[in-house]
Amino acid sequence: FMPSSLRRSDESVTLNWTDSLRSYRLDSTKFGGNQSWPKEKE
């Protein structure tokens, strides 16, 4: 994950999984993380 100021898009990562009792959903933006690699990454 990269700083939000350097993101190239608003793309984020969402994970979904299910066990026998519950379903879960995790959005990376909740933790200040951005999946998109920045243009200034170098």
PDB file of all heavy atoms in Angstrom:
ATOM      1  N   PHE A   1       0.816  -1.204   0.000  1.00  0.00           N
ATOM      2  CA  PHE A   1       0.000   0.000   0.000  1.00  0.00           C
ATOM      3  C   PHE A   1       0.855   1.260   0.000  1.00  0.00           C
ATOM      4  O   PHE A   1       1.937   1.297   0.566  1.00  0.00           O
ATOM      5  CB  PHE A   1      -0.924   0.006   1.219  1.00  0.00           C
ATOM      6  CG  PHE A   1      -1.877  -1.158   1.235  1.00  0.00           C
ATOM      7  CD1 PHE A   1      -2.006  -1.944   2.372  1.00  0.00           C
ATOM      8  CD2 PHE A   1      -2.616  -1.469   0.110  1.00  0.00           C
ATOM      9  CE1 PHE A   1      -2.881  -3.014   2.385  1.00  0.00           C
ATOM     10  CE2 PHE A   1      -3.498  -2.540   0.124  1.00  0.00           C
ATOM     11  CZ  PHE A   1      -3.629  -3.316   1.261  1.00  0.00           C
ATOM     12  N   MET A   2       0.345   2.320  -0.621  1.00  0.00           N
ATOM     13  CA  MET A   2       1.056   3.585  -0.791  1.00  0.00           C
ATOM     14  C   MET A   2       0.271   4.736  -0.156  1.00  0.00           C
ATOM     15  O   MET A   2      -0.927   4.614   0.103  1.00  0.00           O
ATOM     16  CB  MET A   2       1.245   3.871  -2.288  1.00  0.00           C
ATOM     17  CG  MET A   2       2.250   2.958  -2.952  1.00  0.00           C
ATOM     18  SD  MET A   2       3.916   3.349  -2.427  1.00  0.00           S
ATOM     19  CE  MET A   2       4.654   1.722  -2.438  1.00  0.00           C
ATOM     20  N   PRO A   3       0.924   5.885   0.080  1.00  0.00           N
ATOM     21  CA  PRO A   3       0.199   7.064   0.571  1.00  0.00           C
ATOM     22  C   PRO A   3      -0.910   7.462  -0.393  1.00  0.00           C
ATOM     23  O   PRO A   3      -0.740   7.400  -1.613  1.00  0.00           O
ATOM     24  CB  PRO A   3       1.284   8.142   0.650  1.00  0.00           C
ATOM     25  CG  PRO A   3       2.569   7.386   0.756  1.00  0.00           C
ATOM     26  CD  PRO A   3       2.373   6.147  -0.044  1.00  0.00           C
ATOM     27  N   SER A   4      -2.048   7.873   0.161  1.00  0.00           N
ATOM     28  CA  SER A   4      -3.195   8.209  -0.692  1.00  0.00           C
ATOM     29  C   SER A   4      -2.892   9.384  -1.616  1.00  0.00           C
ATOM     30  O   SER A   4      -3.445   9.482  -2.710  1.00  0.00           O
ATOM     31  CB  SER A   4      -4.419   8.531   0.177  1.00  0.00           C
ATOM     32  OG  SER A   4      -4.128   9.578   1.077  1.00  0.00           O
ATOM     33  N   SER A   5      -1.979  10.290  -1.221  1.00  0.00           N
ATOM     34  CA  SER A   5      -1.650  11.453  -2.059  1.00  0.00           C
ATOM     35  C   SER A   5      -0.939  11.049  -3.335  1.00  0.00           C
ATOM     36  O   SER A   5      -0.893  11.823  -4.293  1.00  0.00           O
ATOM     37  CB  SER A   5      -0.760  12.426  -1.275  1.00  0.00           C
ATOM     38  OG  SER A   5      -1.418  12.883  -0.128  1.00  0.00           O
ATOM     39  N   LEU A   6      -0.378   9.834  -3.374  1.00  0.00           N
ATOM     40  CA  LEU A   6       0.376   9.385  -4.541  1.00  0.00           C
ATOM     41  C   LEU A   6      -0.385   8.390  -5.399  1.00  0.00           C
ATOM     42  O   LEU A   6       0.155   7.880  -6.379  1.00  0.00           O
ATOM     43  CB  LEU A   6       1.694   8.738  -4.096  1.00  0.00           C
ATOM     44  CG  LEU A   6       2.734   9.670  -3.479  1.00  0.00           C
ATOM     45  CD1 LEU A   6       3.968   8.880  -3.101  1.00  0.00           C
ATOM     46  CD2 LEU A   6       3.111  10.783  -4.446  1.00  0.00           C
ATOM     47  N   ARG A   7      -1.635   8.093  -5.044  1.00  0.00           N
ATOM     48  CA  ARG A   7      -2.348   7.074  -5.805  1.00  0.00           C
ATOM     49  C   ARG A   7      -2.630   7.554  -7.220  1.00  0.00           C
ATOM     50  O   ARG A   7      -2.839   8.741  -7.476  1.00  0.00           O
ATOM     51  CB  ARG A   7      -3.661   6.715  -5.103  1.00  0.00           C
ATOM     52  CG  ARG A   7      -4.687   7.833  -5.037  1.00  0.00           C
ATOM     53  CD  ARG A   7      -5.944   7.342  -4.326  1.00  0.00           C
ATOM     54  NE  ARG A   7      -6.958   8.379  -4.257  1.00  0.00           N
ATOM     55  CZ  ARG A   7      -7.095   9.239  -3.258  1.00  0.00           C
ATOM     56  NH1 ARG A   7      -6.242   9.172  -2.233  1.00  0.00           N
ATOM     57  NH2 ARG A   7      -8.040  10.159  -3.269  1.00  0.00           N
ATOM     58  N   ARG A   8      -2.633   6.584  -8.113  1.00  0.00           N
ATOM     59  CA  ARG A   8      -2.919   6.921  -9.507  1.00  0.00           C
ATOM     60  C   ARG A   8      -4.408   6.793  -9.824  1.00  0.00           C
ATOM     61  O   ARG A   8      -4.877   7.228 -10.856  1.00  0.00           O
ATOM     62  CB  ARG A   8      -2.117   5.995 -10.417  1.00  0.00           C
ATOM     63  CG  ARG A   8      -2.628   4.560 -10.426  1.00  0.00           C
ATOM     64  CD  ARG A   8      -1.780   3.638 -11.265  1.00  0.00           C
ATOM     65  NE  ARG A   8      -2.337   2.284 -11.235  1.00  0.00           N
ATOM     66  CZ  ARG A   8      -1.616   1.195 -11.453  1.00  0.00           C
ATOM     67  NH1 ARG A   8      -0.336   1.298 -11.674  1.00  0.00           N
ATOM     68  NH2 ARG A   8      -2.191   0.009 -11.418  1.00  0.00           N
ATOM     69  N   SER A   9      -5.145   6.138  -8.895  1.00  0.00           N
ATOM     70  CA  SER A   9      -6.581   5.984  -9.069  1.00  0.00           C
ATOM     71  C   SER A   9      -7.199   5.768  -7.713  1.00  0.00           C
ATOM     72  O   SER A   9      -6.503   5.705  -6.705  1.00  0.00           O
ATOM     73  CB  SER A   9      -6.895   4.794  -9.992  1.00  0.00           C
ATOM     74  OG  SER A   9      -6.604   3.582  -9.340  1.00  0.00           O
ATOM     75  N   ASP A  10      -8.515   5.651  -7.668  1.00  0.00           N
ATOM     76  CA  ASP A  10      -9.216   5.394  -6.411  1.00  0.00           C
ATOM     77  C   ASP A  10      -9.414   3.904  -6.171  1.00  0.00           C
ATOM     78  O   ASP A  10     -10.223   3.502  -5.336  1.00  0.00           O
ATOM     79  CB  ASP A  10     -10.581   6.098  -6.409  1.00  0.00           C
ATOM     80  CG  ASP A  10     -10.426   7.606  -6.349  1.00  0.00           C
ATOM     81  OD1 ASP A  10      -9.429   8.058  -5.745  1.00  0.00           O
ATOM     82  OD2 ASP A  10     -11.283   8.313  -6.910  1.00  0.00           O
ATOM     83  N   GLU A  11      -8.677   3.078  -6.905  1.00  0.00           N
ATOM     84  CA  GLU A  11      -8.810   1.636  -6.790  1.00  0.00           C
ATOM     85  C   GLU A  11      -8.368   1.174  -5.395  1.00  0.00           C
ATOM     86  O   GLU A  11      -7.364   1.634  -4.868  1.00  0.00           O
ATOM     87  CB  GLU A  11      -7.936   0.966  -7.842  1.00  0.00           C
ATOM     88  CG  GLU A  11      -7.997  -0.557  -7.833  1.00  0.00           C
ATOM     89  CD  GLU A  11      -7.035  -1.151  -8.843  1.00  0.00           C
ATOM     90  OE1 GLU A  11      -6.293  -0.392  -9.487  1.00  0.00           O
ATOM     91  OE2 GLU A  11      -7.023  -2.383  -8.962  1.00  0.00           O
ATOM     92  N   SER A  12      -9.126   0.298  -4.786  1.00  0.00           N
ATOM     93  CA  SER A  12      -8.773  -0.260  -3.488  1.00  0.00           C
ATOM     94  C   SER A  12      -8.945  -1.766  -3.537  1.00  0.00           C
ATOM     95  O   SER A  12      -9.450  -2.320  -4.510  1.00  0.00           O
ATOM     96  CB  SER A  12      -9.649   0.335  -2.380  1.00  0.00           C
ATOM     97  OG  SER A  12     -10.993  -0.042  -2.576  1.00  0.00           O
ATOM     98  N   VAL A  13      -8.514  -2.417  -2.499  1.00  0.00           N
ATOM     99  CA  VAL A  13      -8.608  -3.871  -2.414  1.00  0.00           C
ATOM    100  C   VAL A  13      -9.734  -4.249  -1.468  1.00  0.00           C
ATOM    101  O   VAL A  13      -9.782  -3.747  -0.344  1.00  0.00           O
ATOM    102  CB  VAL A  13      -7.284  -4.471  -1.900  1.00  0.00           C
ATOM    103  CG1 VAL A  13      -7.419  -5.975  -1.742  1.00  0.00           C
ATOM    104  CG2 VAL A  13      -6.146  -4.162  -2.857  1.00  0.00           C
ATOM    105  N   THR A  14     -10.639  -5.091  -1.910  1.00  0.00           N
ATOM    106  CA  THR A  14     -11.700  -5.583  -1.045  1.00  0.00           C
ATOM    107  C   THR A  14     -11.608  -7.095  -0.990  1.00  0.00           C
ATOM    108  O   THR A  14     -11.610  -7.761  -2.014  1.00  0.00           O
ATOM    109  CB  THR A  14     -13.085  -5.159  -1.566  1.00  0.00           C
ATOM    110  OG1 THR A  14     -13.149  -3.741  -1.622  1.00  0.00           O
ATOM    111  CG2 THR A  14     -14.177  -5.688  -0.645  1.00  0.00           C
ATOM    112  N   LEU A  15     -11.526  -7.637   0.214  1.00  0.00           N
ATOM    113  CA  LEU A  15     -11.438  -9.069   0.419  1.00  0.00           C
ATOM    114  C   LEU A  15     -12.749  -9.573   0.997  1.00  0.00           C
ATOM    115  O   LEU A  15     -13.300  -8.969   1.901  1.00  0.00           O
ATOM    116  CB  LEU A  15     -10.290  -9.401   1.372  1.00  0.00           C
ATOM    117  CG  LEU A  15      -8.893  -8.885   0.964  1.00  0.00           C
ATOM    118  CD1 LEU A  15      -7.895  -9.229   2.059  1.00  0.00           C
ATOM    119  CD2 LEU A  15      -8.463  -9.487  -0.362  1.00  0.00           C
ATOM    120  N   ASN A  16     -13.235 -10.663   0.477  1.00  0.00           N
ATOM    121  CA  ASN A  16     -14.450 -11.284   1.001  1.00  0.00           C
ATOM    122  C   ASN A  16     -14.174 -12.750   1.259  1.00  0.00           C
ATOM    123  O   ASN A  16     -13.565 -13.438   0.437  1.00  0.00           O
ATOM    124  CB  ASN A  16     -15.604 -11.163  -0.010  1.00  0.00           C
ATOM    125  CG  ASN A  16     -16.057  -9.737  -0.209  1.00  0.00           C
ATOM    126  OD1 ASN A  16     -16.844  -9.223   0.560  1.00  0.00           O
ATOM    127  ND2 ASN A  16     -15.545  -9.083  -1.259  1.00  0.00           N
ATOM    128  N   TRP A  17     -14.592 -13.232   2.429  1.00  0.00           N
ATOM    129  CA  TRP A  17     -14.490 -14.656   2.691  1.00  0.00           C
ATOM    130  C   TRP A  17     -15.574 -15.064   3.673  1.00  0.00           C
ATOM    131  O   TRP A  17     -16.145 -14.244   4.371  1.00  0.00           O
ATOM    132  CB  TRP A  17     -13.095 -15.039   3.182  1.00  0.00           C
ATOM    133  CG  TRP A  17     -12.759 -14.614   4.570  1.00  0.00           C
ATOM    134  CD1 TRP A  17     -12.876 -15.318   5.716  1.00  0.00           C
ATOM    135  CD2 TRP A  17     -12.231 -13.338   4.952  1.00  0.00           C
ATOM    136  NE1 TRP A  17     -12.462 -14.592   6.790  1.00  0.00           N
ATOM    137  CE2 TRP A  17     -12.054 -13.364   6.354  1.00  0.00           C
ATOM    138  CE3 TRP A  17     -11.894 -12.175   4.262  1.00  0.00           C
ATOM    139  CZ2 TRP A  17     -11.563 -12.285   7.064  1.00  0.00           C
ATOM    140  CZ3 TRP A  17     -11.392 -11.101   4.965  1.00  0.00           C
ATOM    141  CH2 TRP A  17     -11.224 -11.160   6.340  1.00  0.00           C
ATOM    142  N   THR A  18     -15.841 -16.343   3.719  1.00  0.00           N
ATOM    143  CA  THR A  18     -16.938 -16.845   4.540  1.00  0.00           C
ATOM    144  C   THR A  18     -16.482 -18.100   5.268  1.00  0.00           C
ATOM    145  O   THR A  18     -15.783 -18.931   4.698  1.00  0.00           O
ATOM    146  CB  THR A  18     -18.168 -17.186   3.665  1.00  0.00           C
ATOM    147  OG1 THR A  18     -18.551 -16.027   2.932  1.00  0.00           O
ATOM    148  CG2 THR A  18     -19.328 -17.652   4.536  1.00  0.00           C
ATOM    149  N   ASP A  19     -16.832 -18.186   6.545  1.00  0.00           N
ATOM    150  CA  ASP A  19     -16.659 -19.460   7.232  1.00  0.00           C
ATOM    151  C   ASP A  19     -18.046 -20.006   7.534  1.00  0.00           C
ATOM    152  O   ASP A  19     -19.044 -19.513   7.030  1.00  0.00           O
ATOM    153  CB  ASP A  19     -15.800 -19.319   8.499  1.00  0.00           C
ATOM    154  CG  ASP A  19     -16.468 -18.460   9.567  1.00  0.00           C
ATOM    155  OD1 ASP A  19     -17.682 -18.202   9.445  1.00  0.00           O
ATOM    156  OD2 ASP A  19     -15.778 -18.072  10.524  1.00  0.00           O
ATOM    157  N   SER A  20     -18.117 -21.020   8.347  1.00  0.00           N
ATOM    158  CA  SER A  20     -19.401 -21.685   8.575  1.00  0.00           C
ATOM    159  C   SER A  20     -20.381 -20.838   9.363  1.00  0.00           C
ATOM    160  O   SER A  20     -21.561 -21.144   9.393  1.00  0.00           O
ATOM    161  CB  SER A  20     -19.158 -23.009   9.320  1.00  0.00           C
ATOM    162  OG  SER A  20     -18.539 -22.753  10.566  1.00  0.00           O
ATOM    163  N   LEU A  21     -19.907 -19.757   9.989  1.00  0.00           N
ATOM    164  CA  LEU A  21     -20.786 -18.974  10.845  1.00  0.00           C
ATOM    165  C   LEU A  21     -21.044 -17.565  10.321  1.00  0.00           C
ATOM    166  O   LEU A  21     -22.134 -17.045  10.453  1.00  0.00           O
ATOM    167  CB  LEU A  21     -20.178 -18.869  12.256  1.00  0.00           C
ATOM    168  CG  LEU A  21     -20.003 -20.193  13.001  1.00  0.00           C
ATOM    169  CD1 LEU A  21     -19.351 -19.921  14.355  1.00  0.00           C
ATOM    170  CD2 LEU A  21     -21.342 -20.873  13.197  1.00  0.00           C
ATOM    171  N   ARG A  22     -20.012 -16.941   9.739  1.00  0.00           N
ATOM    172  CA  ARG A  22     -20.149 -15.531   9.405  1.00  0.00           C
ATOM    173  C   ARG A  22     -19.522 -15.229   8.052  1.00  0.00           C
ATOM    174  O   ARG A  22     -18.689 -15.980   7.556  1.00  0.00           O
ATOM    175  CB  ARG A  22     -19.468 -14.656  10.476  1.00  0.00           C
ATOM    176  CG  ARG A  22     -20.148 -14.702  11.827  1.00  0.00           C
ATOM    177  CD  ARG A  22     -19.349 -13.926  12.849  1.00  0.00           C
ATOM    178  NE  ARG A  22     -18.125 -14.615  13.174  1.00  0.00           N
ATOM    179  CZ  ARG A  22     -18.018 -15.512  14.163  1.00  0.00           C
ATOM    180  NH1 ARG A  22     -19.061 -15.789  14.894  1.00  0.00           N
ATOM    181  NH2 ARG A  22     -16.882 -16.119  14.413  1.00  0.00           N
ATOM    182  N   SER A  23     -19.874 -14.092   7.487  1.00  0.00           N
ATOM    183  CA  SER A  23     -19.222 -13.569   6.301  1.00  0.00           C
ATOM    184  C   SER A  23     -18.432 -12.344   6.681  1.00  0.00           C
ATOM    185  O   SER A  23     -18.800 -11.599   7.581  1.00  0.00           O
ATOM    186  CB  SER A  23     -20.266 -13.191   5.228  1.00  0.00           C
ATOM    187  OG  SER A  23     -20.957 -14.347   4.788  1.00  0.00           O
ATOM    188  N   TYR A  24     -17.310 -12.097   5.975  1.00  0.00           N
ATOM    189  CA  TYR A  24     -16.430 -10.995   6.298  1.00  0.00           C
ATOM    190  C   TYR A  24     -16.161 -10.172   5.045  1.00  0.00           C
ATOM    191  O   TYR A  24     -16.148 -10.668   3.927  1.00  0.00           O
ATOM    192  CB  TYR A  24     -15.085 -11.499   6.847  1.00  0.00           C
ATOM    193  CG  TYR A  24     -15.213 -12.408   8.034  1.00  0.00           C
ATOM    194  CD1 TYR A  24     -15.427 -13.771   7.881  1.00  0.00           C
ATOM    195  CD2 TYR A  24     -15.127 -11.897   9.326  1.00  0.00           C
ATOM    196  CE1 TYR A  24     -15.547 -14.610   8.978  1.00  0.00           C
ATOM    197  CE2 TYR A  24     -15.237 -12.718  10.443  1.00  0.00           C
ATOM    198  CZ  TYR A  24     -15.447 -14.069  10.249  1.00  0.00           C
ATOM    199  OH  TYR A  24     -15.554 -14.888  11.338  1.00  0.00           O
ATOM    200  N   ARG A  25     -15.877  -8.882   5.248  1.00  0.00           N
ATOM    201  CA  ARG A  25     -15.499  -8.000   4.144  1.00  0.00           C
ATOM    202  C   ARG A  25     -14.472  -7.011   4.665  1.00  0.00           C
ATOM    203  O   ARG A  25     -14.678  -6.363   5.685  1.00  0.00           O
ATOM    204  CB  ARG A  25     -16.709  -7.239   3.608  1.00  0.00           C
ATOM    205  CG  ARG A  25     -16.404  -6.384   2.370  1.00  0.00           C
ATOM    206  CD  ARG A  25     -17.694  -5.750   1.833  1.00  0.00           C
ATOM    207  NE  ARG A  25     -17.464  -5.060   0.604  1.00  0.00           N
ATOM    208  CZ  ARG A  25     -17.058  -3.784   0.505  1.00  0.00           C
ATOM    209  NH1 ARG A  25     -16.833  -3.101   1.625  1.00  0.00           N
ATOM    210  NH2 ARG A  25     -16.866  -3.211  -0.661  1.00  0.00           N
ATOM    211  N   LEU A  26     -13.352  -6.918   3.999  1.00  0.00           N
ATOM    212  CA  LEU A  26     -12.287  -6.025   4.415  1.00  0.00           C
ATOM    213  C   LEU A  26     -11.947  -5.082   3.274  1.00  0.00           C
ATOM    214  O   LEU A  26     -11.601  -5.516   2.178  1.00  0.00           O
ATOM    215  CB  LEU A  26     -11.031  -6.825   4.817  1.00  0.00           C
ATOM    216  CG  LEU A  26      -9.785  -6.011   5.143  1.00  0.00           C
ATOM    217  CD1 LEU A  26     -10.039  -5.160   6.380  1.00  0.00           C
ATOM    218  CD2 LEU A  26      -8.590  -6.917   5.368  1.00  0.00           C
ATOM    219  N   ASP A  27     -12.049  -3.789   3.529  1.00  0.00           N
ATOM    220  CA  ASP A  27     -11.729  -2.768   2.537  1.00  0.00           C
ATOM    221  C   ASP A  27     -10.420  -2.112   2.946  1.00  0.00           C
ATOM    222  O   ASP A  27     -10.300  -1.564   4.043  1.00  0.00           O
ATOM    223  CB  ASP A  27     -12.857  -1.727   2.488  1.00  0.00           C
ATOM    224  CG  ASP A  27     -12.685  -0.741   1.331  1.00  0.00           C
ATOM    225  OD1 ASP A  27     -11.555  -0.649   0.807  1.00  0.00           O
ATOM    226  OD2 ASP A  27     -13.672  -0.071   0.978  1.00  0.00           O
ATOM    227  N   SER A  28      -9.422  -2.135   2.057  1.00  0.00           N
ATOM    228  CA  SER A  28      -8.105  -1.614   2.411  1.00  0.00           C
ATOM    229  C   SER A  28      -8.123  -0.129   2.724  1.00  0.00           C
ATOM    230  O   SER A  28      -7.286   0.372   3.467  1.00  0.00           O
ATOM    231  CB  SER A  28      -7.110  -1.866   1.269  1.00  0.00           C
ATOM    232  OG  SER A  28      -7.476  -1.124   0.110  1.00  0.00           O
ATOM    233  N   THR A  29      -9.079   0.619   2.182  1.00  0.00           N
ATOM    234  CA  THR A  29      -9.114   2.056   2.446  1.00  0.00           C
ATOM    235  C   THR A  29      -9.440   2.357   3.892  1.00  0.00           C
ATOM    236  O   THR A  29      -9.168   3.445   4.387  1.00  0.00           O
ATOM    237  CB  THR A  29     -10.152   2.742   1.535  1.00  0.00           C
ATOM    238  OG1 THR A  29     -11.434   2.152   1.758  1.00  0.00           O
ATOM    239  CG2 THR A  29      -9.779   2.588   0.071  1.00  0.00           C
ATOM    240  N   LYS A  30     -10.015   1.385   4.599  1.00  0.00           N
ATOM    241  CA  LYS A  30     -10.319   1.590   6.011  1.00  0.00           C
ATOM    242  C   LYS A  30      -9.045   1.791   6.826  1.00  0.00           C
ATOM    243  O   LYS A  30      -9.052   2.345   7.899  1.00  0.00           O
ATOM    244  CB  LYS A  30     -11.089   0.393   6.577  1.00  0.00           C
ATOM    245  CG  LYS A  30     -12.428   0.115   5.904  1.00  0.00           C
ATOM    246  CD  LYS A  30     -13.463   1.153   6.251  1.00  0.00           C
ATOM    247  CE  LYS A  30     -14.826   0.759   5.685  1.00  0.00           C
ATOM    248  NZ  LYS A  30     -15.821   1.810   5.927  1.00  0.00           N
ATOM    249  N   PHE A  31      -7.933   1.274   6.306  1.00  0.00           N
ATOM    250  CA  PHE A  31      -6.674   1.334   7.029  1.00  0.00           C
ATOM    251  C   PHE A  31      -5.697   2.314   6.396  1.00  0.00           C
ATOM    252  O   PHE A  31      -4.505   2.266   6.650  1.00  0.00           O
ATOM    253  CB  PHE A  31      -6.046  -0.058   7.087  1.00  0.00           C
ATOM    254  CG  PHE A  31      -6.939  -1.070   7.717  1.00  0.00           C
ATOM    255  CD1 PHE A  31      -7.680  -1.947   6.944  1.00  0.00           C
ATOM    256  CD2 PHE A  31      -7.065  -1.124   9.093  1.00  0.00           C
ATOM    257  CE1 PHE A  31      -8.513  -2.873   7.537  1.00  0.00           C
ATOM    258  CE2 PHE A  31      -7.893  -2.054   9.693  1.00  0.00           C
ATOM    259  CZ  PHE A  31      -8.624  -2.924   8.908  1.00  0.00           C
ATOM    260  N   GLY A  32      -6.172   3.223   5.567  1.00  0.00           N
ATOM    261  CA  GLY A  32      -5.291   4.220   4.970  1.00  0.00           C
ATOM    262  C   GLY A  32      -4.361   3.629   3.939  1.00  0.00           C
ATOM    263  O   GLY A  32      -3.296   4.169   3.654  1.00  0.00           O
ATOM    264  N   GLY A  33      -4.741   2.495   3.339  1.00  0.00           N
ATOM    265  CA  GLY A  33      -3.884   1.849   2.352  1.00  0.00           C
ATOM    266  C   GLY A  33      -4.477   1.959   0.968  1.00  0.00           C
ATOM    267  O   GLY A  33      -5.680   1.852   0.782  1.00  0.00           O
ATOM    268  N   ASN A  34      -3.637   2.132  -0.041  1.00  0.00           N
ATOM    269  CA  ASN A  34      -4.082   2.210  -1.427  1.00  0.00           C
ATOM    270  C   ASN A  34      -3.290   1.217  -2.243  1.00  0.00           C
ATOM    271  O   ASN A  34      -2.057   1.188  -2.202  1.00  0.00           O
ATOM    272  CB  ASN A  34      -3.877   3.619  -1.986  1.00  0.00           C
ATOM    273  CG  ASN A  34      -4.811   4.617  -1.323  1.00  0.00           C
ATOM    274  OD1 ASN A  34      -5.948   4.764  -1.717  1.00  0.00           O
ATOM    275  ND2 ASN A  34      -4.314   5.273  -0.272  1.00  0.00           N
ATOM    276  N   GLN A  35      -4.039   0.404  -3.020  1.00  0.00           N
ATOM    277  CA  GLN A  35      -3.407  -0.657  -3.771  1.00  0.00           C
ATOM    278  C   GLN A  35      -2.684  -0.109  -4.991  1.00  0.00           C
ATOM    279  O   GLN A  35      -1.706  -0.673  -5.453  1.00  0.00           O
ATOM    280  CB  GLN A  35      -4.476  -1.681  -4.198  1.00  0.00           C
ATOM    281  CG  GLN A  35      -3.909  -2.865  -4.958  1.00  0.00           C
ATOM    282  CD  GLN A  35      -4.635  -3.108  -6.248  1.00  0.00           C
ATOM    283  OE1 GLN A  35      -5.446  -2.302  -6.669  1.00  0.00           O
ATOM    284  NE2 GLN A  35      -4.340  -4.225  -6.892  1.00  0.00           N
ATOM    285  N   SER A  36      -3.135   1.018  -5.532  1.00  0.00           N
ATOM    286  CA  SER A  36      -2.586   1.544  -6.781  1.00  0.00           C
ATOM    287  C   SER A  36      -1.177   2.070  -6.574  1.00  0.00           C
ATOM    288  O   SER A  36      -0.943   2.910  -5.718  1.00  0.00           O
ATOM    289  CB  SER A  36      -3.481   2.678  -7.302  1.00  0.00           C
ATOM    290  OG  SER A  36      -4.805   2.235  -7.439  1.00  0.00           O
ATOM    291  N   TRP A  37      -0.243   1.569  -7.373  1.00  0.00           N
ATOM    292  CA  TRP A  37       1.128   2.065  -7.257  1.00  0.00           C
ATOM    293  C   TRP A  37       1.196   3.476  -7.845  1.00  0.00           C
ATOM    294  O   TRP A  37       0.629   3.772  -8.882  1.00  0.00           O
ATOM    295  CB  TRP A  37       2.082   1.145  -8.014  1.00  0.00           C
ATOM    296  CG  TRP A  37       2.449  -0.047  -7.215  1.00  0.00           C
ATOM    297  CD1 TRP A  37       1.721  -1.186  -7.089  1.00  0.00           C
ATOM    298  CD2 TRP A  37       3.592  -0.197  -6.400  1.00  0.00           C
ATOM    299  NE1 TRP A  37       2.333  -2.054  -6.247  1.00  0.00           N
ATOM    300  CE2 TRP A  37       3.506  -1.479  -5.812  1.00  0.00           C
ATOM    301  CE3 TRP A  37       4.694   0.597  -6.103  1.00  0.00           C
ATOM    302  CZ2 TRP A  37       4.462  -1.974  -4.945  1.00  0.00           C
ATOM    303  CZ3 TRP A  37       5.652   0.098  -5.245  1.00  0.00           C
ATOM    304  CH2 TRP A  37       5.539  -1.158  -4.678  1.00  0.00           C
ATOM    305  N   PRO A  38       1.936   4.396  -7.206  1.00  0.00           N
ATOM    306  CA  PRO A  38       1.922   5.809  -7.602  1.00  0.00           C
ATOM    307  C   PRO A  38       2.833   6.103  -8.782  1.00  0.00           C
ATOM    308  O   PRO A  38       3.766   5.359  -9.076  1.00  0.00           O
ATOM    309  CB  PRO A  38       2.459   6.499  -6.345  1.00  0.00           C
ATOM    310  CG  PRO A  38       3.392   5.486  -5.760  1.00  0.00           C
ATOM    311  CD  PRO A  38       2.762   4.165  -6.026  1.00  0.00           C
ATOM    312  N   LYS A  39       2.561   7.227  -9.404  1.00  0.00           N
ATOM    313  CA  LYS A  39       3.411   7.650 -10.518  1.00  0.00           C
ATOM    314  C   LYS A  39       4.797   8.055 -10.011  1.00  0.00           C
ATOM    315  O   LYS A  39       5.789   7.942 -10.705  1.00  0.00           O
ATOM    316  CB  LYS A  39       2.758   8.834 -11.233  1.00  0.00           C
ATOM    317  CG  LYS A  39       2.417   9.994 -10.278  1.00  0.00           C
ATOM    318  CD  LYS A  39       1.652  11.080 -10.979  1.00  0.00           C
ATOM    319  CE  LYS A  39       1.276  12.202  -9.970  1.00  0.00           C
ATOM    320  NZ  LYS A  39       0.502  13.276 -10.623  1.00  0.00           N
ATOM    321  N   GLU A  40       4.888   8.523  -8.755  1.00  0.00           N
ATOM    322  CA  GLU A  40       6.169   8.935  -8.189  1.00  0.00           C
ATOM    323  C   GLU A  40       6.790   7.845  -7.323  1.00  0.00           C
ATOM    324  O   GLU A  40       7.589   8.115  -6.433  1.00  0.00           O
ATOM    325  CB  GLU A  40       5.994  10.207  -7.335  1.00  0.00           C
ATOM    326  CG  GLU A  40       5.506  11.411  -8.111  1.00  0.00           C
ATOM    327  CD  GLU A  40       3.985  11.483  -8.135  1.00  0.00           C
ATOM    328  OE1 GLU A  40       3.356  10.474  -7.780  1.00  0.00           O
ATOM    329  OE2 GLU A  40       3.445  12.525  -8.533  1.00  0.00           O
ATOM    330  N   LYS A  41       6.417   6.576  -7.565  1.00  0.00           N
ATOM    331  CA  LYS A  41       6.877   5.515  -6.671  1.00  0.00           C
ATOM    332  C   LYS A  41       8.403   5.411  -6.650  1.00  0.00           C
ATOM    333  O   LYS A  41       9.004   5.086  -5.619  1.00  0.00           O
ATOM    334  CB  LYS A  41       6.276   4.176  -7.078  1.00  0.00           C
ATOM    335  CG  LYS A  41       6.745   3.656  -8.443  1.00  0.00           C
ATOM    336  CD  LYS A  41       6.111   2.313  -8.732  1.00  0.00           C
ATOM    337  CE  LYS A  41       6.586   1.794 -10.098  1.00  0.00           C
ATOM    338  NZ  LYS A  41       5.977   0.521 -10.445  1.00  0.00           N
ATOM    339  N   GLU A  42       9.073   5.661  -7.818  1.00  0.00           N
ATOM    340  CA  GLU A  42      10.532   5.551  -7.844  1.00  0.00           C
ATOM    341  C   GLU A  42      11.169   6.526  -6.868  1.00  0.00           C
ATOM    342  O   GLU A  42      12.104   6.178  -6.136  1.00  0.00           O
ATOM    343  CB  GLU A  42      11.054   5.798  -9.266  1.00  0.00           C
ATOM    344  CG  GLU A  42      10.687   4.715 -10.275  1.00  0.00           C
ATOM    345  CD  GLU A  42       9.290   4.896 -10.832  1.00  0.00           C
ATOM    346  OE1 GLU A  42       8.642   5.906 -10.478  1.00  0.00           O
ATOM    347  OE2 GLU A  42       8.840   4.023 -11.597  1.00  0.00           O
TER     348      GLU A  42
END
